Protein backbone atom coordinates (compact mmCIF):
# COMPACT_ATOMS: atom_id res chain seq x y z
CA MET A 1 2.45 130.99 190.16
CA LYS A 2 6.36 131.68 190.24
CA ASP A 3 7.20 130.29 186.62
CA ILE A 4 4.41 132.94 185.32
CA LEU A 5 5.51 135.89 186.92
CA LEU A 6 9.21 134.88 185.57
CA VAL A 7 7.78 134.63 181.90
CA ILE A 8 6.34 138.18 182.56
CA LEU A 9 9.34 139.72 184.09
CA GLY A 10 12.24 137.86 181.40
CA ALA A 11 9.93 139.01 178.33
CA ALA A 12 9.58 142.19 179.45
CA ALA A 13 13.19 142.35 180.38
CA GLY A 14 14.03 141.23 177.42
CA ALA A 15 12.12 143.13 174.92
CA THR A 16 13.44 146.55 176.99
CA VAL A 17 16.89 146.01 176.62
CA SER A 18 16.79 144.83 173.32
CA ALA A 19 14.57 147.70 172.28
CA LEU A 20 16.96 149.90 173.82
CA LEU A 21 19.81 148.05 171.47
CA ALA A 22 18.06 147.72 168.48
CA CYS A 23 18.32 151.60 167.93
CA VAL A 24 21.89 151.42 167.74
CA PRO A 25 22.75 151.12 164.03
CA ALA A 26 24.15 147.78 162.63
CA LEU A 27 24.11 146.16 166.53
CA HIS A 28 22.60 142.72 166.00
CA VAL A 29 20.19 140.85 168.74
CA TYR A 30 21.86 137.70 168.09
CA SER A 31 25.44 139.71 169.03
CA VAL A 32 24.03 140.38 172.50
CA MET A 33 22.71 137.28 173.22
CA GLY A 34 26.04 135.58 171.83
CA LEU A 35 27.49 137.62 174.77
CA VAL A 36 24.86 136.78 177.30
CA ALA A 37 25.07 133.37 176.56
CA LEU A 38 28.73 133.33 177.47
CA GLY A 39 28.20 135.19 180.53
CA LEU A 40 25.50 132.25 181.73
CA HIS A 41 27.85 129.58 180.69
CA GLY A 42 30.25 131.59 183.14
CA LEU A 43 27.56 131.58 186.21
CA ALA A 44 26.88 127.90 185.59
CA ALA A 45 30.81 127.23 186.23
CA ARG A 46 30.22 128.77 189.26
CA GLY A 47 27.24 126.83 189.90
CA ILE A 48 24.63 129.68 189.61
CA ASP A 49 21.65 128.50 187.43
CA VAL A 50 19.05 130.55 186.02
CA PRO A 51 15.73 129.79 185.99
CA PRO A 52 14.59 127.91 182.77
CA ALA A 53 11.66 130.14 182.86
CA LEU A 54 13.12 133.39 183.11
CA LEU A 55 16.09 132.25 180.75
CA VAL A 56 13.66 131.60 177.82
CA ALA A 57 11.31 134.53 178.43
CA GLY A 58 14.47 136.79 178.32
CA ALA A 59 15.54 135.53 175.00
CA ALA A 60 11.87 135.87 173.17
CA GLY A 61 11.65 139.41 174.69
CA MET A 62 15.02 140.43 173.00
CA ILE A 63 14.11 138.73 169.91
CA VAL A 64 11.06 140.25 169.62
CA GLY A 65 12.30 144.01 170.85
CA PHE A 66 14.86 143.81 168.28
CA ALA A 67 12.27 142.39 165.22
CA LEU A 68 10.03 145.54 166.05
CA LEU A 69 12.30 148.22 167.04
CA ASN A 70 15.09 147.56 164.36
CA THR A 71 13.36 149.22 162.06
CA ILE A 72 13.92 153.00 163.91
CA PRO A 73 17.92 152.60 162.54
CA SER A 74 16.60 151.18 159.27
CA VAL A 75 14.31 153.85 157.95
CA LEU A 76 16.17 156.88 160.41
CA LEU A 77 19.52 155.99 160.32
CA ALA A 78 19.81 153.93 157.28
CA ALA A 79 21.75 151.19 158.60
CA PRO A 80 20.04 147.91 157.58
CA ASP A 81 20.58 144.46 158.81
CA GLU A 82 20.07 141.38 156.20
CA SER A 83 15.95 141.71 157.32
CA ALA A 84 15.59 144.98 156.44
CA LEU A 85 16.93 145.66 152.93
CA PHE A 86 13.51 146.13 151.80
CA THR A 87 11.96 148.02 154.21
CA VAL A 88 15.05 151.12 153.70
CA LEU A 89 14.07 151.63 150.25
CA PRO A 90 10.66 152.77 150.88
CA GLY A 91 11.29 154.01 153.95
CA GLN A 92 14.15 156.05 152.93
CA GLU A 93 11.46 157.50 150.37
CA TYR A 94 9.49 158.56 153.50
CA LEU A 95 11.94 160.07 155.14
CA LEU A 96 13.40 162.17 152.43
CA ARG A 97 9.51 163.67 152.30
CA GLY A 98 9.35 164.42 155.85
CA ARG A 99 7.48 160.90 156.92
CA GLY A 100 10.05 159.10 158.44
CA TYR A 101 8.03 158.42 161.79
CA GLU A 102 4.91 157.03 159.64
CA ALA A 103 7.50 154.71 158.16
CA VAL A 104 8.12 153.47 160.94
CA MET A 105 4.49 153.12 162.03
CA LEU A 106 3.45 151.27 159.43
CA THR A 107 6.20 148.80 159.59
CA GLY A 108 5.57 148.74 163.41
CA ALA A 109 2.03 147.91 162.37
CA GLY A 110 2.85 144.78 160.10
CA GLY A 111 5.12 143.27 163.11
CA LEU A 112 1.99 143.39 165.58
CA GLY A 113 0.06 141.59 162.97
CA GLY A 114 2.98 138.91 162.42
CA LEU A 115 2.83 138.71 166.19
CA LEU A 116 -0.91 138.34 166.62
CA PHE A 117 -0.45 135.75 163.74
CA LEU A 118 2.19 133.46 165.90
CA VAL A 119 0.67 133.90 169.15
CA LEU A 120 -3.16 133.29 168.06
CA VAL A 121 -2.63 131.28 164.83
CA ALA A 122 0.43 129.38 164.09
CA GLY A 123 0.48 128.55 168.17
CA PRO A 124 -2.54 126.48 168.39
CA LEU A 125 -1.69 124.71 164.88
CA ALA A 126 2.02 124.31 165.15
CA ALA A 127 2.30 121.18 167.31
CA ARG A 128 -0.13 119.62 165.45
CA CYS A 129 0.50 120.43 161.33
CA LEU A 130 4.40 121.40 161.29
CA PRO A 131 5.97 118.04 162.25
CA HIS A 132 4.31 116.47 159.14
CA VAL A 133 4.93 119.52 157.30
CA ARG A 134 8.58 118.85 157.78
CA ASP A 135 8.64 115.44 157.16
CA VAL A 136 7.07 116.17 153.46
CA LEU A 137 9.23 118.94 152.69
CA ARG A 138 13.18 117.51 154.06
CA PRO A 139 13.85 115.54 150.89
CA HIS A 140 13.05 118.67 148.78
CA LEU A 141 14.88 121.75 150.66
CA HIS A 142 18.05 121.47 148.70
CA TRP A 143 15.97 122.70 145.15
CA ILE A 144 14.00 124.56 147.24
CA VAL A 145 16.51 126.70 148.51
CA TRP A 146 18.62 126.80 144.73
CA ALA A 147 14.98 127.78 143.01
CA VAL A 148 15.30 130.65 145.68
CA ILE A 149 19.15 131.48 144.75
CA GLY A 150 17.54 131.11 140.63
CA PHE A 151 14.97 133.71 140.93
CA MET A 152 16.43 135.79 143.37
CA LEU A 153 19.16 136.07 140.40
CA MET A 154 17.12 136.53 137.56
CA SER A 155 15.00 138.51 138.62
CA GLU A 156 17.86 141.31 138.73
CA TRP A 157 16.66 143.65 136.07
CA PRO A 158 18.23 146.88 134.90
CA ARG A 159 17.38 149.71 136.59
CA GLN A 160 17.46 152.23 133.99
CA PRO A 161 16.81 151.17 130.40
CA ALA A 162 19.89 150.99 127.87
CA ARG A 163 19.20 154.22 125.63
CA LYS A 164 22.85 153.95 124.09
CA GLN A 165 23.22 153.55 120.56
CA GLY A 166 23.30 149.56 119.04
CA GLY A 167 25.97 147.63 119.54
CA TRP A 168 28.47 146.80 122.97
CA ARG A 169 28.12 149.82 124.27
CA LYS A 170 24.32 149.13 124.77
CA LEU A 171 25.01 145.72 125.75
CA ALA A 172 27.64 146.95 128.33
CA ALA A 173 25.25 149.63 129.42
CA GLY A 174 22.47 147.08 129.95
CA TRP A 175 24.41 144.18 131.68
CA SER A 176 25.83 146.63 134.46
CA SER A 177 23.77 146.34 137.24
CA VAL A 178 22.87 142.65 136.04
CA GLY A 179 26.30 141.79 136.19
CA ALA A 180 27.04 143.30 139.29
CA GLY A 181 24.53 141.28 141.07
CA LEU A 182 26.07 138.03 139.73
CA LEU A 183 29.46 139.22 141.05
CA THR A 184 28.29 140.39 144.32
CA PHE A 185 26.21 136.72 144.79
CA VAL A 186 29.64 134.95 143.96
CA LEU A 187 31.74 137.10 145.73
CA ALA A 188 29.87 137.06 148.98
CA GLY A 189 29.34 133.29 148.24
CA PHE A 190 32.81 133.05 148.09
CA MET A 191 33.30 134.52 151.65
CA GLY A 192 30.64 132.25 152.85
CA PHE A 193 32.96 129.46 151.99
CA VAL A 194 36.12 130.89 154.10
CA LEU A 195 34.32 131.64 156.74
CA MET A 196 32.41 128.02 157.20
CA TYR A 197 35.52 126.05 156.04
CA ARG A 198 38.39 128.12 157.04
CA THR A 199 37.75 131.12 159.18
CA PRO A 200 40.36 133.49 160.10
CA LEU A 201 38.46 134.25 163.25
CA PRO A 202 40.17 133.07 166.67
CA PRO A 203 38.21 130.39 168.49
CA ASP A 204 36.93 132.38 171.42
CA ALA A 205 34.86 133.99 168.49
CA ALA A 206 33.57 131.10 166.62
CA PHE A 207 29.90 132.14 167.97
CA GLN A 208 30.07 135.31 166.09
CA ASN A 209 31.44 133.84 162.80
CA MET A 210 29.36 135.60 160.28
CA MET A 211 28.56 138.97 162.41
CA PRO A 212 31.71 140.63 160.98
CA ALA A 213 30.70 140.02 157.45
CA PHE A 214 27.36 140.94 158.10
CA VAL A 215 28.73 144.37 159.41
CA GLY A 216 30.77 144.76 156.10
CA LEU A 217 28.20 143.29 153.72
CA PHE A 218 24.93 145.57 155.11
CA GLY A 219 25.83 148.23 157.70
CA VAL A 220 29.35 149.79 156.48
CA PRO A 221 28.72 150.64 152.63
CA TRP A 222 25.36 152.41 153.77
CA LEU A 223 27.05 154.32 156.33
CA ILE A 224 29.80 155.29 153.65
CA LEU A 225 27.41 156.28 151.06
CA ASN A 226 25.86 158.57 154.09
CA ILE A 227 29.14 159.90 154.79
CA LEU A 228 30.33 160.80 151.40
CA SER A 229 26.87 162.11 150.34
CA ALA A 230 25.11 165.55 150.58
CA THR A 231 21.71 164.66 151.69
CA GLU A 232 20.08 166.59 153.87
CA ILE A 233 17.19 165.15 156.19
CA PRO A 234 13.96 167.69 156.02
CA ALA A 235 11.71 168.23 158.86
CA GLN A 236 10.20 165.18 160.22
CA ARG A 237 6.38 165.45 160.81
CA VAL A 238 5.25 163.29 164.01
CA THR A 239 1.62 162.47 163.35
CA ARG A 240 -1.22 160.88 165.40
CA THR A 241 -2.67 158.88 162.68
CA VAL A 242 -1.57 157.36 159.77
CA ASP A 243 -2.98 156.40 156.51
CA LEU A 244 -3.11 152.65 156.46
CA PRO A 245 -7.12 151.51 155.17
CA ALA A 246 -7.83 148.29 156.31
CA ASP A 247 -7.34 146.29 153.00
CA LEU A 248 -3.83 147.39 152.76
CA LEU A 249 -3.33 146.36 155.95
CA VAL A 250 -4.75 142.76 155.64
CA ARG A 251 -2.75 142.42 152.48
CA GLY A 252 0.39 143.29 154.02
CA VAL A 253 0.19 141.52 156.94
CA GLY A 254 -0.90 138.48 154.66
CA ALA A 255 2.26 138.75 152.80
CA GLY A 256 4.89 139.30 154.94
CA VAL A 257 3.48 136.13 157.25
CA LEU A 258 3.66 134.10 153.77
CA GLY A 259 7.43 135.58 153.64
CA GLY A 260 8.18 135.60 156.95
CA ALA A 261 7.16 131.99 157.55
CA PHE A 262 9.03 130.71 154.39
CA ALA A 263 11.70 132.13 155.71
CA ALA A 264 11.85 130.83 159.22
CA PHE A 265 11.03 127.36 158.18
CA VAL A 266 13.45 126.92 155.03
CA PRO A 267 17.38 126.77 155.84
CA ALA A 268 19.49 129.59 154.56
CA VAL A 269 16.56 131.92 153.77
CA THR A 270 16.23 135.52 155.47
CA GLY A 271 13.57 137.53 156.21
CA GLY A 272 14.23 140.01 153.62
CA VAL A 273 14.72 137.25 150.93
CA GLY A 274 11.00 135.87 152.12
CA GLY A 275 9.47 138.98 152.05
CA MET A 276 10.67 139.22 148.48
CA LEU A 277 8.85 136.55 146.90
CA ALA A 278 6.11 136.65 149.16
CA GLY A 279 5.97 140.75 147.52
CA HIS A 280 6.05 139.21 144.11
CA ALA A 281 3.63 136.39 144.88
CA THR A 282 1.17 138.72 146.17
CA ALA A 283 2.02 142.02 143.62
CA GLN A 284 2.49 144.44 146.70
CA ARG A 285 2.48 147.54 144.98
CA ASP A 286 1.28 150.30 147.25
CA ALA A 287 4.41 151.65 149.65
CA ARG A 288 2.14 151.61 152.72
CA ALA A 289 1.63 147.69 151.93
CA PHE A 290 5.10 147.16 151.45
CA LEU A 291 6.50 148.68 154.62
CA VAL A 292 3.82 146.47 156.51
CA ALA A 293 4.79 143.52 154.88
CA GLN A 294 8.36 143.64 155.75
CA GLY A 295 7.38 144.37 159.29
CA ALA A 296 5.48 141.43 159.41
CA SER A 297 8.07 139.76 157.51
CA LYS A 298 11.14 140.48 160.07
CA LEU A 299 8.51 139.59 163.03
CA VAL A 300 7.53 136.19 161.89
CA TYR A 301 11.21 135.35 160.24
CA TYR A 302 13.20 136.07 163.85
CA ALA A 303 10.14 134.89 166.19
CA GLY A 304 8.64 132.67 164.18
CA GLY A 305 12.73 131.15 163.52
CA PHE A 306 12.90 131.16 167.87
CA LEU A 307 9.12 129.04 168.12
CA LEU A 308 10.11 126.37 166.00
CA PHE A 309 12.39 124.81 167.92
CA PHE A 310 10.08 125.10 170.86
CA VAL A 311 7.14 123.17 169.19
CA PRO A 312 6.74 119.55 170.48
CA ARG A 313 7.98 116.67 168.11
CA LEU A 314 9.84 119.33 165.97
CA HIS A 315 12.51 121.62 167.79
CA MET A 316 13.95 122.93 164.38
CA THR A 317 17.36 125.15 164.73
CA ARG A 318 16.41 128.11 162.76
CA GLY A 319 18.48 131.01 163.27
CA GLY A 320 20.71 132.14 165.75
CA GLY A 321 18.14 132.76 168.51
CA ALA A 322 17.80 128.83 168.81
CA TRP A 323 21.15 127.67 167.79
CA LEU A 324 22.41 129.83 171.45
CA MET A 325 19.28 129.05 173.13
CA ARG A 326 20.40 124.96 172.41
CA GLY A 327 23.53 125.19 174.17
CA LEU A 328 21.72 126.78 177.20
CA TYR A 329 18.21 125.09 177.45
CA VAL A 330 16.36 122.07 175.56
CA PRO A 331 12.68 122.77 175.82
CA HIS A 332 11.16 118.76 176.61
CA THR A 333 7.21 119.44 177.25
CA TYR A 334 4.06 121.57 176.22
CA HIS A 335 4.98 123.31 178.93
CA ASP A 336 7.88 125.10 177.86
CA TYR A 337 5.70 125.73 174.70
CA PHE A 338 3.25 127.55 175.91
CA ALA A 339 5.71 129.79 178.47
CA LEU A 340 7.24 130.93 175.25
CA LEU A 341 4.12 131.67 173.45
CA ALA A 342 3.27 133.79 176.47
CA ALA A 343 6.60 135.25 176.78
CA LEU A 344 6.19 136.33 172.99
CA ALA A 345 2.73 138.06 173.32
CA VAL A 346 4.24 140.33 176.64
CA ALA A 347 7.18 141.26 174.74
CA GLY A 348 5.39 142.58 172.04
CA ALA A 349 3.07 144.43 173.99
CA VAL A 350 6.12 145.97 175.76
CA ALA A 351 8.14 146.48 172.64
CA LEU A 352 5.05 148.48 170.71
CA LEU A 353 4.81 150.46 174.10
CA TRP A 354 8.65 151.46 173.21
CA LEU A 355 8.30 151.87 169.38
CA GLY A 356 6.63 155.66 169.81
CA PRO A 357 8.71 156.96 172.05
CA LEU A 358 12.14 155.70 170.33
CA ALA A 359 10.95 156.72 167.22
CA ARG A 360 10.73 160.22 167.99
CA GLY A 361 13.86 160.34 169.84
CA ALA A 362 15.47 158.95 167.16
CA ILE A 363 13.95 162.00 164.85
CA TRP A 364 14.83 164.12 167.80
CA LEU A 365 18.15 163.18 167.14
CA VAL A 366 18.25 163.30 163.20
CA GLN A 367 16.90 166.86 163.47
CA ARG A 368 20.12 167.93 165.79
CA VAL A 369 22.57 166.57 164.92
CA PRO A 370 23.86 166.44 160.94
CA TYR A 371 23.80 163.12 159.38
CA ARG A 372 27.10 162.63 158.26
CA ARG A 373 28.22 163.31 161.80
CA LEU A 374 25.92 160.55 162.91
CA SER A 375 26.67 158.27 160.05
CA ALA A 376 30.64 159.13 160.83
CA ILE A 377 29.76 158.15 164.92
CA ALA A 378 27.56 154.74 163.48
CA LEU A 379 30.79 153.72 161.64
CA ALA A 380 33.07 154.32 164.65
CA ALA A 381 30.70 151.87 166.98
CA MET A 382 30.40 149.48 164.13
CA THR A 383 34.18 149.13 163.81
CA ALA A 384 34.60 149.04 167.68
CA LEU A 385 32.02 146.17 168.16
CA VAL A 386 33.78 144.76 165.49
CA LEU A 387 37.09 144.90 166.85
CA ALA A 388 36.27 143.87 170.67
CA LEU A 389 34.25 141.54 169.69
CA THR A 390 36.06 139.21 166.68
CA GLY A 391 39.57 141.27 167.03
CA TRP A 392 41.64 142.10 164.09
CA PRO A 393 40.49 138.91 162.23
CA GLY A 394 37.54 140.29 162.26
CA LEU A 395 37.85 143.64 161.40
CA LEU A 396 39.49 142.28 158.18
CA VAL A 397 36.54 140.07 157.10
CA THR A 398 34.94 143.31 157.65
CA LEU A 399 37.16 145.07 155.38
CA ALA A 400 36.43 142.78 152.82
CA GLY A 401 32.50 142.71 153.04
CA THR A 402 32.71 145.95 152.74
CA GLY A 403 34.48 146.25 149.10
CA ILE A 404 31.78 143.42 148.09
CA GLY A 405 28.98 145.41 149.97
CA LEU A 406 30.18 148.54 147.85
CA ILE A 407 29.47 146.71 144.39
CA PRO A 408 25.65 147.48 144.26
CA VAL A 409 26.04 150.66 145.75
CA LEU A 410 28.24 151.86 142.83
CA PHE A 411 26.34 149.92 139.98
CA HIS A 412 22.79 150.14 141.26
CA SER A 413 22.12 146.81 141.87
CA ARG A 414 20.25 144.76 144.54
CA ARG A 415 21.82 144.82 147.93
CA MET A 416 19.90 141.61 148.80
CA ASN A 417 22.73 139.79 146.62
CA CYS A 418 24.76 140.25 149.30
CA LEU A 419 22.98 137.15 151.05
CA GLY A 420 24.83 134.63 148.60
CA VAL A 421 27.75 134.61 151.90
CA ILE A 422 24.83 132.26 153.48
CA LEU A 423 22.62 130.94 150.42
CA LEU A 424 25.38 129.80 148.48
CA PRO A 425 27.67 127.97 150.58
CA VAL A 426 24.40 126.62 152.58
CA ALA A 427 22.82 125.50 149.01
CA CYS A 428 26.21 123.47 148.21
CA ASN A 429 26.04 121.68 151.77
CA MET A 430 22.44 120.70 151.39
CA SER A 431 23.21 119.09 148.28
CA GLY A 432 25.83 116.99 149.42
CA PHE A 433 28.68 118.90 147.02
CA GLY A 434 29.77 122.11 149.57
CA ALA A 435 32.80 119.99 150.46
CA HIS A 436 34.07 119.06 146.96
CA VAL A 437 33.47 123.07 145.80
CA ALA A 438 35.40 123.93 149.44
CA GLN A 439 38.24 121.62 148.31
CA TRP A 440 38.28 122.95 144.58
CA LEU A 441 38.45 126.70 146.04
CA GLY A 442 41.69 125.72 147.80
CA LEU A 443 39.86 125.69 151.34
CA ALA A 444 39.65 121.94 152.32
């Protein structure tokens, strides 16, 4: 009985805290969880132990709350994380048509569908099926990651047809966005090798190694674009209902679950990449199904990656949540697994209760404070956060990432190519020649 109460309390508290923090642009849940982990280690050194049920449920609540509520700044404040890039594109279209609240609700509906899949479908089957799936796929994961990279780069097509006369000018116009995408991926991959093999960050900031890079690659360029542009946000309508037929809901959730599960299981693949692959595989064309799919993909990617660590006979560490939890508590029995499933359900219910009020609050803020000012405040807060957590070396990494992240903005290529910061080094390491590449680059 005591453990049940701790699970409910921890999940509700974690979801509430994360729901509030998720509304801060570019603030990632793993950064907050890293700080919490440091505090828990400090308490343990003083002989104060947190009950495992409360610890696990609180972490689950934070992850679920972030996955469901981070869509608010992604759509309304335009500061996406690496798993929200596809949500922003149709979401921004909705925002500029005064339907930003509807975009948030559509993404939340997808997140609810993804949560139901994890609790009701994946939960009962994971312990029986996933260990066998892992054993079958383990020898092939390296070429699967390379295939994902190949598809991602090959699907980078020119955004506008080259209408110039034939010759070098037309060739250059056709390759401008494609070449910018390739250059972005290579430069981001080089940054990833630097951070993995010769990081400039101090040792006490090692747990936040990738945070300043992600802020620079994904958050800062978008905010700079908001500050420099003259875009005016129209009045937003808050509706009681959302136009979402049942068939679109099912198709969107199915595609999102497929992409999120793939991203959670395969190393280095994030929810955005998984959602892109699932969208191509299921031919998603309707913007509503697209938003639903991205909400489901993000939830399954974050919460599913955390769940894999608790599956008996599996204990896979996919994602920052599992890595942080491994240093605090290692699950042993089915009791831990089912307690986590209960925590996910409670956290999802609490986070969904927060979704509507926080979305309306963000809309109230956007309509009363100029968009440029909001972006400038978010940029200043982001800079202060990087400086506080990683110091001046982290701020330099953010500046370098910003330079790379501006390439897709200026040349209208796919911003997802910035994920080369993870994909390229991990793919090389999985293939066994990552150290040779680092040595060739002068990093080892």
